[in-house]
């Protein structure tokens, strides 16, 4: 890296995974990783997610990952969503550990408070904030990832060079 800031990947873990990747002070690439739906089962979703994460790494070459912390199961509206978010978070941590990539998480209200000024900001407000930054997220998952990326790249712990 030689003096340049780390390349940070931010992930909004959901049934469709929002992602944003870039260096502090720049404009991040961003998008959404579509995961299988319906009767595919958690195994198929997990394989698609890990394949997508590997593909992102092959293209972006990130060396830091920050993910939105999963909500606790009791805060979820569906048991399947809770299981999926917890599994995806574990998969990210395992994948990063195997590759010696720093991995952290941040709670959505903490991110929104720091970036938008309100921990209670709703998804349309996050999208509007992204658009005000000159970014055009395809959906709320990408918008959440962009807000998380901004948070991570303006905080010392994750954005600092190793």
N, C-alpha and C. Protein backbone atom coordinates (compact mmCIF):
# COMPACT_ATOMS: atom_id res chain seq x y z
N UNK A 1 0.82 -1.19 0.00
CA UNK A 1 0.00 0.00 0.00
C UNK A 1 0.86 1.25 0.00
N UNK A 2 1.95 1.22 0.70
CA UNK A 2 2.92 2.28 0.59
C UNK A 2 2.32 3.69 0.67
N UNK A 3 1.80 4.04 1.88
CA UNK A 3 1.33 5.40 2.08
C UNK A 3 -0.11 5.69 1.71
N UNK A 4 -0.72 4.88 0.87
CA UNK A 4 -2.11 5.15 0.49
C UNK A 4 -3.04 4.55 1.54
N UNK A 5 -4.22 5.13 1.61
CA UNK A 5 -5.19 4.62 2.58
C UNK A 5 -5.70 3.27 2.12
N UNK A 6 -6.18 2.46 3.08
CA UNK A 6 -6.68 1.13 2.73
C UNK A 6 -7.93 1.20 1.86
N UNK A 7 -8.15 0.16 1.11
CA UNK A 7 -9.34 0.02 0.29
C UNK A 7 -10.38 -0.69 1.15
N UNK A 8 -11.47 0.01 1.47
CA UNK A 8 -12.47 -0.47 2.41
C UNK A 8 -13.72 -0.93 1.65
N UNK A 9 -14.16 -2.15 1.98
CA UNK A 9 -15.43 -2.68 1.48
C UNK A 9 -16.45 -2.61 2.60
N UNK A 10 -17.58 -1.96 2.35
CA UNK A 10 -18.68 -1.89 3.30
C UNK A 10 -19.81 -2.78 2.79
N UNK A 11 -20.39 -3.57 3.68
CA UNK A 11 -21.46 -4.50 3.32
C UNK A 11 -22.71 -4.28 4.17
N UNK A 12 -23.84 -4.13 3.50
CA UNK A 12 -25.15 -4.11 4.16
C UNK A 12 -25.73 -5.50 3.93
N UNK A 13 -25.70 -6.33 4.97
CA UNK A 13 -26.10 -7.73 4.85
C UNK A 13 -27.61 -7.88 4.94
N UNK A 14 -28.19 -8.39 3.86
CA UNK A 14 -29.63 -8.56 3.79
C UNK A 14 -29.92 -9.61 2.73
N UNK A 15 -31.19 -9.76 2.37
CA UNK A 15 -31.54 -10.72 1.32
C UNK A 15 -30.92 -10.31 -0.01
N UNK A 16 -30.66 -9.03 -0.19
CA UNK A 16 -29.80 -8.52 -1.26
C UNK A 16 -28.73 -7.71 -0.55
N UNK A 17 -27.47 -7.97 -0.84
CA UNK A 17 -26.36 -7.37 -0.10
C UNK A 17 -25.90 -6.11 -0.80
N UNK A 18 -26.03 -4.98 -0.11
CA UNK A 18 -25.49 -3.73 -0.63
C UNK A 18 -24.00 -3.68 -0.35
N UNK A 19 -23.24 -3.10 -1.27
CA UNK A 19 -21.80 -2.99 -1.06
C UNK A 19 -21.29 -1.66 -1.59
N UNK A 20 -20.24 -1.17 -0.97
CA UNK A 20 -19.54 0.03 -1.42
C UNK A 20 -18.07 -0.19 -1.13
N UNK A 21 -17.22 0.21 -2.08
CA UNK A 21 -15.79 -0.04 -1.93
C UNK A 21 -14.98 1.12 -2.47
N UNK A 22 -14.04 1.59 -1.67
CA UNK A 22 -13.17 2.67 -2.10
C UNK A 22 -12.23 3.09 -1.00
N UNK A 23 -11.41 4.08 -1.33
CA UNK A 23 -10.46 4.65 -0.36
C UNK A 23 -11.05 5.92 0.24
N UNK A 24 -10.64 6.20 1.47
CA UNK A 24 -11.08 7.42 2.14
C UNK A 24 -10.79 8.62 1.26
N UNK A 25 -11.76 9.54 1.19
CA UNK A 25 -11.58 10.76 0.43
C UNK A 25 -11.95 10.64 -1.04
N UNK A 26 -12.20 9.42 -1.51
CA UNK A 26 -12.56 9.23 -2.91
C UNK A 26 -14.04 8.95 -3.06
N UNK A 27 -14.42 8.59 -4.27
CA UNK A 27 -15.79 8.16 -4.54
C UNK A 27 -15.79 6.64 -4.66
N UNK A 28 -16.60 5.97 -3.87
CA UNK A 28 -16.59 4.52 -3.89
C UNK A 28 -17.37 3.93 -5.06
N UNK A 29 -16.94 2.76 -5.50
CA UNK A 29 -17.78 1.94 -6.36
C UNK A 29 -18.86 1.37 -5.46
N UNK A 30 -20.01 1.05 -6.01
CA UNK A 30 -21.08 0.50 -5.17
C UNK A 30 -22.06 -0.28 -6.02
N UNK A 31 -22.82 -1.11 -5.35
CA UNK A 31 -23.82 -1.91 -6.04
C UNK A 31 -24.57 -2.81 -5.08
N UNK A 32 -25.24 -3.79 -5.66
CA UNK A 32 -26.04 -4.73 -4.89
C UNK A 32 -25.75 -6.14 -5.41
N UNK A 33 -25.50 -7.04 -4.50
CA UNK A 33 -25.31 -8.45 -4.81
C UNK A 33 -26.66 -9.14 -4.61
N UNK A 34 -27.25 -9.61 -5.70
CA UNK A 34 -28.55 -10.28 -5.61
C UNK A 34 -28.34 -11.73 -5.19
N UNK A 35 -29.05 -12.15 -4.16
CA UNK A 35 -28.94 -13.51 -3.67
C UNK A 35 -30.17 -14.31 -4.05
N UNK A 36 -30.04 -15.65 -4.14
CA UNK A 36 -31.18 -16.48 -4.51
C UNK A 36 -32.34 -16.33 -3.54
N UNK A 37 -33.54 -16.46 -4.05
CA UNK A 37 -34.76 -16.33 -3.24
C UNK A 37 -35.54 -17.63 -3.27
N UNK A 38 -36.59 -17.64 -2.50
CA UNK A 38 -37.54 -18.75 -2.54
C UNK A 38 -37.00 -20.01 -1.89
N UNK A 39 -37.16 -21.11 -2.58
CA UNK A 39 -36.83 -22.41 -2.00
C UNK A 39 -35.35 -22.78 -2.14
N UNK A 40 -34.52 -21.84 -2.54
CA UNK A 40 -33.11 -22.14 -2.75
C UNK A 40 -32.45 -22.69 -1.49
N UNK A 41 -32.85 -22.24 -0.32
CA UNK A 41 -32.26 -22.69 0.93
C UNK A 41 -31.03 -21.89 1.31
N UNK A 42 -30.71 -21.93 2.58
CA UNK A 42 -29.61 -21.15 3.11
C UNK A 42 -28.27 -21.56 2.51
N UNK A 43 -28.10 -22.83 2.22
CA UNK A 43 -26.84 -23.29 1.60
C UNK A 43 -26.60 -22.63 0.25
N UNK A 44 -27.64 -22.56 -0.58
CA UNK A 44 -27.51 -21.92 -1.90
C UNK A 44 -27.24 -20.42 -1.75
N UNK A 45 -27.91 -19.80 -0.79
CA UNK A 45 -27.70 -18.37 -0.55
C UNK A 45 -26.27 -18.13 -0.08
N UNK A 46 -25.81 -18.98 0.83
CA UNK A 46 -24.45 -18.85 1.36
C UNK A 46 -23.41 -19.00 0.26
N UNK A 47 -23.58 -19.99 -0.59
CA UNK A 47 -22.62 -20.20 -1.69
C UNK A 47 -22.63 -19.01 -2.64
N UNK A 48 -23.80 -18.51 -2.98
CA UNK A 48 -23.88 -17.34 -3.88
C UNK A 48 -23.23 -16.13 -3.24
N UNK A 49 -23.45 -15.94 -1.94
CA UNK A 49 -22.85 -14.80 -1.25
C UNK A 49 -21.33 -14.91 -1.23
N UNK A 50 -20.81 -16.06 -0.85
CA UNK A 50 -19.35 -16.22 -0.80
C UNK A 50 -18.72 -16.10 -2.19
N UNK A 51 -19.39 -16.63 -3.20
CA UNK A 51 -18.90 -16.45 -4.58
C UNK A 51 -18.87 -14.97 -4.94
N UNK A 52 -19.92 -14.24 -4.57
CA UNK A 52 -19.97 -12.82 -4.85
C UNK A 52 -18.89 -12.05 -4.10
N UNK A 53 -18.63 -12.43 -2.86
CA UNK A 53 -17.59 -11.78 -2.07
C UNK A 53 -16.21 -12.02 -2.70
N UNK A 54 -15.97 -13.25 -3.15
CA UNK A 54 -14.70 -13.56 -3.83
C UNK A 54 -14.57 -12.77 -5.12
N UNK A 55 -15.66 -12.68 -5.88
CA UNK A 55 -15.63 -11.90 -7.13
C UNK A 55 -15.34 -10.43 -6.85
N UNK A 56 -15.98 -9.88 -5.82
CA UNK A 56 -15.72 -8.48 -5.45
C UNK A 56 -14.24 -8.29 -5.10
N UNK A 57 -13.69 -9.23 -4.36
CA UNK A 57 -12.28 -9.12 -3.98
C UNK A 57 -11.37 -9.21 -5.19
N UNK A 58 -11.70 -10.10 -6.13
CA UNK A 58 -10.90 -10.24 -7.35
C UNK A 58 -10.87 -8.94 -8.15
N UNK A 59 -11.97 -8.20 -8.12
CA UNK A 59 -12.07 -6.96 -8.89
C UNK A 59 -11.56 -5.76 -8.09
N UNK A 60 -11.96 -5.66 -6.83
CA UNK A 60 -11.69 -4.47 -6.03
C UNK A 60 -10.38 -4.54 -5.22
N UNK A 61 -9.95 -5.73 -4.85
CA UNK A 61 -8.72 -5.94 -4.07
C UNK A 61 -8.74 -5.19 -2.73
N UNK A 62 -9.89 -5.16 -2.06
CA UNK A 62 -10.02 -4.47 -0.78
C UNK A 62 -9.19 -5.17 0.29
N UNK A 63 -8.77 -4.37 1.29
CA UNK A 63 -7.99 -4.94 2.38
C UNK A 63 -8.60 -4.67 3.75
N UNK A 64 -9.81 -4.13 3.78
CA UNK A 64 -10.58 -3.92 5.00
C UNK A 64 -12.04 -4.18 4.67
N UNK A 65 -12.77 -4.74 5.64
CA UNK A 65 -14.21 -4.95 5.47
C UNK A 65 -14.92 -4.44 6.71
N UNK A 66 -16.00 -3.71 6.49
CA UNK A 66 -16.90 -3.33 7.57
C UNK A 66 -18.30 -3.74 7.15
N UNK A 67 -19.01 -4.35 8.08
CA UNK A 67 -20.37 -4.79 7.77
C UNK A 67 -21.34 -4.20 8.77
N UNK A 68 -22.56 -4.02 8.29
CA UNK A 68 -23.60 -3.57 9.21
C UNK A 68 -23.88 -4.71 10.17
N UNK A 69 -23.85 -4.42 11.46
CA UNK A 69 -24.08 -5.43 12.48
C UNK A 69 -25.50 -5.99 12.34
N UNK A 70 -25.63 -7.31 12.40
CA UNK A 70 -26.98 -7.90 12.31
C UNK A 70 -27.82 -7.48 13.53
N UNK A 71 -29.10 -7.31 13.28
CA UNK A 71 -30.01 -7.06 14.39
C UNK A 71 -30.12 -8.33 15.22
N UNK A 72 -30.30 -8.22 16.53
CA UNK A 72 -30.51 -9.43 17.32
C UNK A 72 -31.79 -10.14 16.88
N UNK A 73 -31.85 -11.46 17.03
CA UNK A 73 -33.03 -12.20 16.56
C UNK A 73 -34.36 -11.64 17.04
N UNK A 74 -34.44 -11.17 18.29
CA UNK A 74 -35.70 -10.66 18.82
C UNK A 74 -36.12 -9.35 18.16
N UNK A 75 -35.20 -8.67 17.49
CA UNK A 75 -35.54 -7.41 16.82
C UNK A 75 -35.95 -7.64 15.36
N UNK A 76 -35.82 -8.85 14.88
CA UNK A 76 -36.16 -9.17 13.50
C UNK A 76 -37.66 -9.40 13.36
N UNK A 77 -38.16 -9.15 12.17
CA UNK A 77 -39.58 -9.41 11.91
C UNK A 77 -39.82 -10.86 11.50
N UNK A 78 -38.80 -11.53 10.98
CA UNK A 78 -38.94 -12.93 10.57
C UNK A 78 -37.72 -13.72 11.04
N UNK A 79 -37.96 -14.93 11.51
CA UNK A 79 -36.86 -15.78 11.98
C UNK A 79 -35.87 -16.06 10.85
N UNK A 80 -36.39 -16.24 9.63
CA UNK A 80 -35.50 -16.51 8.50
C UNK A 80 -34.53 -15.35 8.26
N UNK A 81 -35.01 -14.13 8.38
CA UNK A 81 -34.16 -12.96 8.18
C UNK A 81 -33.07 -12.91 9.24
N UNK A 82 -33.44 -13.19 10.49
CA UNK A 82 -32.45 -13.21 11.57
C UNK A 82 -31.38 -14.25 11.30
N UNK A 83 -31.80 -15.43 10.92
CA UNK A 83 -30.86 -16.51 10.63
C UNK A 83 -29.94 -16.13 9.47
N UNK A 84 -30.51 -15.56 8.43
CA UNK A 84 -29.73 -15.16 7.26
C UNK A 84 -28.69 -14.10 7.63
N UNK A 85 -29.11 -13.05 8.33
CA UNK A 85 -28.17 -11.98 8.69
C UNK A 85 -27.04 -12.49 9.58
N UNK A 86 -27.38 -13.31 10.55
CA UNK A 86 -26.35 -13.86 11.43
C UNK A 86 -25.40 -14.78 10.66
N UNK A 87 -25.95 -15.57 9.76
CA UNK A 87 -25.09 -16.45 8.96
C UNK A 87 -24.16 -15.64 8.06
N UNK A 88 -24.71 -14.65 7.36
CA UNK A 88 -23.88 -13.85 6.47
C UNK A 88 -22.77 -13.14 7.23
N UNK A 89 -23.08 -12.62 8.43
CA UNK A 89 -22.06 -11.97 9.24
C UNK A 89 -20.95 -12.96 9.61
N UNK A 90 -21.33 -14.16 10.00
CA UNK A 90 -20.33 -15.18 10.32
C UNK A 90 -19.51 -15.58 9.11
N UNK A 91 -20.15 -15.65 7.95
CA UNK A 91 -19.44 -15.99 6.72
C UNK A 91 -18.41 -14.92 6.37
N UNK A 92 -18.79 -13.64 6.53
CA UNK A 92 -17.86 -12.54 6.25
C UNK A 92 -16.66 -12.63 7.19
N UNK A 93 -16.92 -12.82 8.48
CA UNK A 93 -15.82 -12.89 9.44
C UNK A 93 -14.89 -14.06 9.14
N UNK A 94 -15.45 -15.21 8.80
CA UNK A 94 -14.64 -16.38 8.48
C UNK A 94 -13.83 -16.14 7.22
N UNK A 95 -14.47 -15.62 6.18
CA UNK A 95 -13.79 -15.35 4.91
C UNK A 95 -12.64 -14.38 5.13
N UNK A 96 -12.89 -13.32 5.89
CA UNK A 96 -11.84 -12.33 6.15
C UNK A 96 -10.70 -12.92 6.99
N UNK A 97 -11.05 -13.70 7.98
CA UNK A 97 -10.03 -14.32 8.83
C UNK A 97 -9.08 -15.18 7.99
N UNK A 98 -9.65 -15.98 7.10
CA UNK A 98 -8.82 -16.86 6.26
C UNK A 98 -7.89 -16.08 5.35
N UNK A 99 -8.22 -14.85 5.04
CA UNK A 99 -7.42 -14.03 4.12
C UNK A 99 -6.64 -12.92 4.83
N UNK A 100 -6.68 -12.95 6.16
CA UNK A 100 -5.99 -11.94 6.98
C UNK A 100 -6.43 -10.52 6.61
N UNK A 101 -7.73 -10.37 6.38
CA UNK A 101 -8.33 -9.07 6.07
C UNK A 101 -9.04 -8.57 7.32
N UNK A 102 -8.73 -7.36 7.73
CA UNK A 102 -9.36 -6.77 8.90
C UNK A 102 -10.87 -6.67 8.67
N UNK A 103 -11.65 -7.12 9.65
CA UNK A 103 -13.11 -7.11 9.54
C UNK A 103 -13.70 -6.50 10.81
N UNK A 104 -14.61 -5.55 10.62
CA UNK A 104 -15.29 -4.91 11.74
C UNK A 104 -16.78 -4.81 11.40
N UNK A 105 -17.57 -4.45 12.41
CA UNK A 105 -18.99 -4.21 12.18
C UNK A 105 -19.40 -2.93 12.89
N UNK A 106 -20.49 -2.37 12.43
CA UNK A 106 -21.05 -1.15 13.03
C UNK A 106 -22.56 -1.24 12.97
N UNK A 107 -23.20 -0.79 14.02
CA UNK A 107 -24.66 -0.81 14.10
C UNK A 107 -25.25 0.30 13.24
N UNK A 108 -26.32 -0.01 12.55
CA UNK A 108 -26.97 0.96 11.65
C UNK A 108 -27.31 2.28 12.35
N UNK A 109 -27.89 2.27 13.56
CA UNK A 109 -28.20 3.56 14.20
C UNK A 109 -26.93 4.39 14.48
N UNK A 110 -25.84 3.73 14.84
CA UNK A 110 -24.58 4.43 15.09
C UNK A 110 -24.08 5.08 13.81
N UNK A 111 -24.14 4.33 12.71
CA UNK A 111 -23.71 4.85 11.41
C UNK A 111 -24.57 6.03 11.00
N UNK A 112 -25.87 5.88 11.08
CA UNK A 112 -26.78 6.94 10.65
C UNK A 112 -26.64 8.19 11.52
N UNK A 113 -26.43 8.02 12.81
CA UNK A 113 -26.22 9.17 13.69
C UNK A 113 -24.95 9.92 13.30
N UNK A 114 -23.87 9.17 13.06
CA UNK A 114 -22.58 9.80 12.73
C UNK A 114 -22.59 10.45 11.36
N UNK A 115 -23.24 9.82 10.40
CA UNK A 115 -23.17 10.28 9.01
C UNK A 115 -24.31 11.24 8.66
N UNK A 116 -25.53 10.91 9.07
CA UNK A 116 -26.69 11.72 8.71
C UNK A 116 -27.16 12.64 9.82
N UNK A 117 -26.64 12.44 11.03
CA UNK A 117 -27.03 13.29 12.14
C UNK A 117 -28.18 12.75 12.96
N UNK A 118 -28.77 11.63 12.54
CA UNK A 118 -29.88 11.03 13.29
C UNK A 118 -29.81 9.51 13.19
N UNK A 119 -29.76 8.85 14.34
CA UNK A 119 -29.77 7.40 14.38
C UNK A 119 -31.11 6.81 13.98
N UNK A 120 -32.11 7.67 13.86
CA UNK A 120 -33.46 7.22 13.49
C UNK A 120 -33.78 7.52 12.02
N UNK A 121 -32.79 7.94 11.26
CA UNK A 121 -33.01 8.24 9.84
C UNK A 121 -33.55 7.00 9.14
N UNK A 122 -34.53 7.20 8.28
CA UNK A 122 -35.15 6.10 7.54
C UNK A 122 -34.46 5.92 6.19
N UNK A 123 -34.76 4.81 5.55
CA UNK A 123 -34.11 4.47 4.27
C UNK A 123 -34.23 5.57 3.21
N UNK A 124 -35.38 6.22 3.03
CA UNK A 124 -35.44 7.30 2.04
C UNK A 124 -34.48 8.45 2.36
N UNK A 125 -34.26 8.70 3.64
CA UNK A 125 -33.31 9.75 4.03
C UNK A 125 -31.88 9.35 3.71
N UNK A 126 -31.57 8.07 3.87
CA UNK A 126 -30.23 7.57 3.55
C UNK A 126 -30.00 7.68 2.04
N UNK A 127 -31.01 7.32 1.26
CA UNK A 127 -30.90 7.43 -0.20
C UNK A 127 -30.71 8.89 -0.60
N UNK A 128 -31.49 9.80 -0.01
CA UNK A 128 -31.36 11.23 -0.33
C UNK A 128 -29.97 11.75 0.05
N UNK A 129 -29.44 11.31 1.18
CA UNK A 129 -28.10 11.72 1.59
C UNK A 129 -27.07 11.25 0.55
N UNK A 130 -27.20 10.02 0.10
CA UNK A 130 -26.27 9.48 -0.91
C UNK A 130 -26.34 10.32 -2.19
N UNK A 131 -27.54 10.64 -2.62
CA UNK A 131 -27.70 11.45 -3.83
C UNK A 131 -27.07 12.83 -3.66
N UNK A 132 -27.16 13.38 -2.45
CA UNK A 132 -26.54 14.68 -2.17
C UNK A 132 -25.00 14.59 -2.24
N UNK A 133 -24.47 13.38 -2.05
CA UNK A 133 -23.02 13.18 -2.15
C UNK A 133 -22.59 12.98 -3.61
N UNK A 134 -23.57 12.89 -4.51
CA UNK A 134 -23.26 12.65 -5.92
C UNK A 134 -23.26 11.19 -6.29
N UNK A 135 -23.75 10.34 -5.38
CA UNK A 135 -23.82 8.90 -5.64
C UNK A 135 -25.25 8.54 -6.00
N UNK A 136 -25.41 7.53 -6.82
CA UNK A 136 -26.74 7.12 -7.26
C UNK A 136 -26.97 5.65 -6.91
N UNK A 137 -27.28 5.35 -5.63
CA UNK A 137 -27.48 3.96 -5.26
C UNK A 137 -28.70 3.37 -5.95
N UNK A 138 -28.59 2.10 -6.33
CA UNK A 138 -29.69 1.43 -7.03
C UNK A 138 -30.86 1.13 -6.10
N UNK A 139 -30.58 0.99 -4.81
CA UNK A 139 -31.66 0.73 -3.85
C UNK A 139 -31.18 1.06 -2.44
N UNK A 140 -32.02 0.78 -1.45
CA UNK A 140 -31.69 1.11 -0.06
C UNK A 140 -30.53 0.27 0.46
N UNK A 141 -30.31 -0.93 -0.08
CA UNK A 141 -29.18 -1.75 0.36
C UNK A 141 -27.85 -1.09 -0.03
N UNK A 142 -27.76 -0.62 -1.25
CA UNK A 142 -26.55 0.09 -1.70
C UNK A 142 -26.39 1.39 -0.93
N UNK A 143 -27.50 2.08 -0.65
CA UNK A 143 -27.44 3.34 0.10
C UNK A 143 -26.91 3.09 1.51
N UNK A 144 -27.40 2.06 2.16
CA UNK A 144 -26.91 1.73 3.50
C UNK A 144 -25.42 1.39 3.46
N UNK A 145 -24.98 0.68 2.43
CA UNK A 145 -23.56 0.34 2.30
C UNK A 145 -22.72 1.61 2.09
N UNK A 146 -23.23 2.55 1.31
CA UNK A 146 -22.51 3.81 1.08
C UNK A 146 -22.37 4.62 2.38
N UNK A 147 -23.43 4.69 3.16
CA UNK A 147 -23.36 5.39 4.44
C UNK A 147 -22.37 4.69 5.37
N UNK A 148 -22.41 3.38 5.39
CA UNK A 148 -21.48 2.60 6.20
C UNK A 148 -20.04 2.81 5.74
N UNK A 149 -19.84 2.86 4.42
CA UNK A 149 -18.49 3.11 3.87
C UNK A 149 -17.98 4.47 4.33
N UNK A 150 -18.83 5.51 4.24
CA UNK A 150 -18.42 6.84 4.68
C UNK A 150 -18.04 6.81 6.16
N UNK A 151 -18.87 6.16 6.96
CA UNK A 151 -18.59 6.04 8.39
C UNK A 151 -17.23 5.37 8.60
N UNK A 152 -17.01 4.25 7.94
CA UNK A 152 -15.77 3.48 8.13
C UNK A 152 -14.54 4.23 7.66
N UNK A 153 -14.66 4.97 6.59
CA UNK A 153 -13.49 5.66 6.05
C UNK A 153 -13.21 6.99 6.74
N UNK A 154 -14.10 7.39 7.63
CA UNK A 154 -13.84 8.61 8.40
C UNK A 154 -13.58 8.28 9.87
N UNK A 155 -13.45 7.01 10.19
CA UNK A 155 -13.15 6.57 11.55
C UNK A 155 -11.74 5.99 11.56
N UNK A 156 -10.99 6.30 12.59
CA UNK A 156 -9.59 5.90 12.66
C UNK A 156 -9.35 4.40 12.62
N UNK A 157 -10.13 3.63 13.34
CA UNK A 157 -9.86 2.20 13.51
C UNK A 157 -9.79 1.41 12.22
N UNK A 158 -10.76 1.59 11.34
CA UNK A 158 -10.81 0.77 10.13
C UNK A 158 -10.05 1.40 8.99
N UNK A 159 -10.10 2.70 8.87
CA UNK A 159 -9.50 3.36 7.71
C UNK A 159 -7.99 3.55 7.85
N UNK A 160 -7.47 3.42 9.07
CA UNK A 160 -6.05 3.64 9.27
C UNK A 160 -5.23 2.57 8.57
N UNK A 161 -4.13 2.96 8.02
CA UNK A 161 -3.24 1.99 7.37
C UNK A 161 -2.67 1.04 8.40
N UNK A 162 -2.45 -0.18 7.99
CA UNK A 162 -1.93 -1.22 8.91
C UNK A 162 -0.49 -0.93 9.28
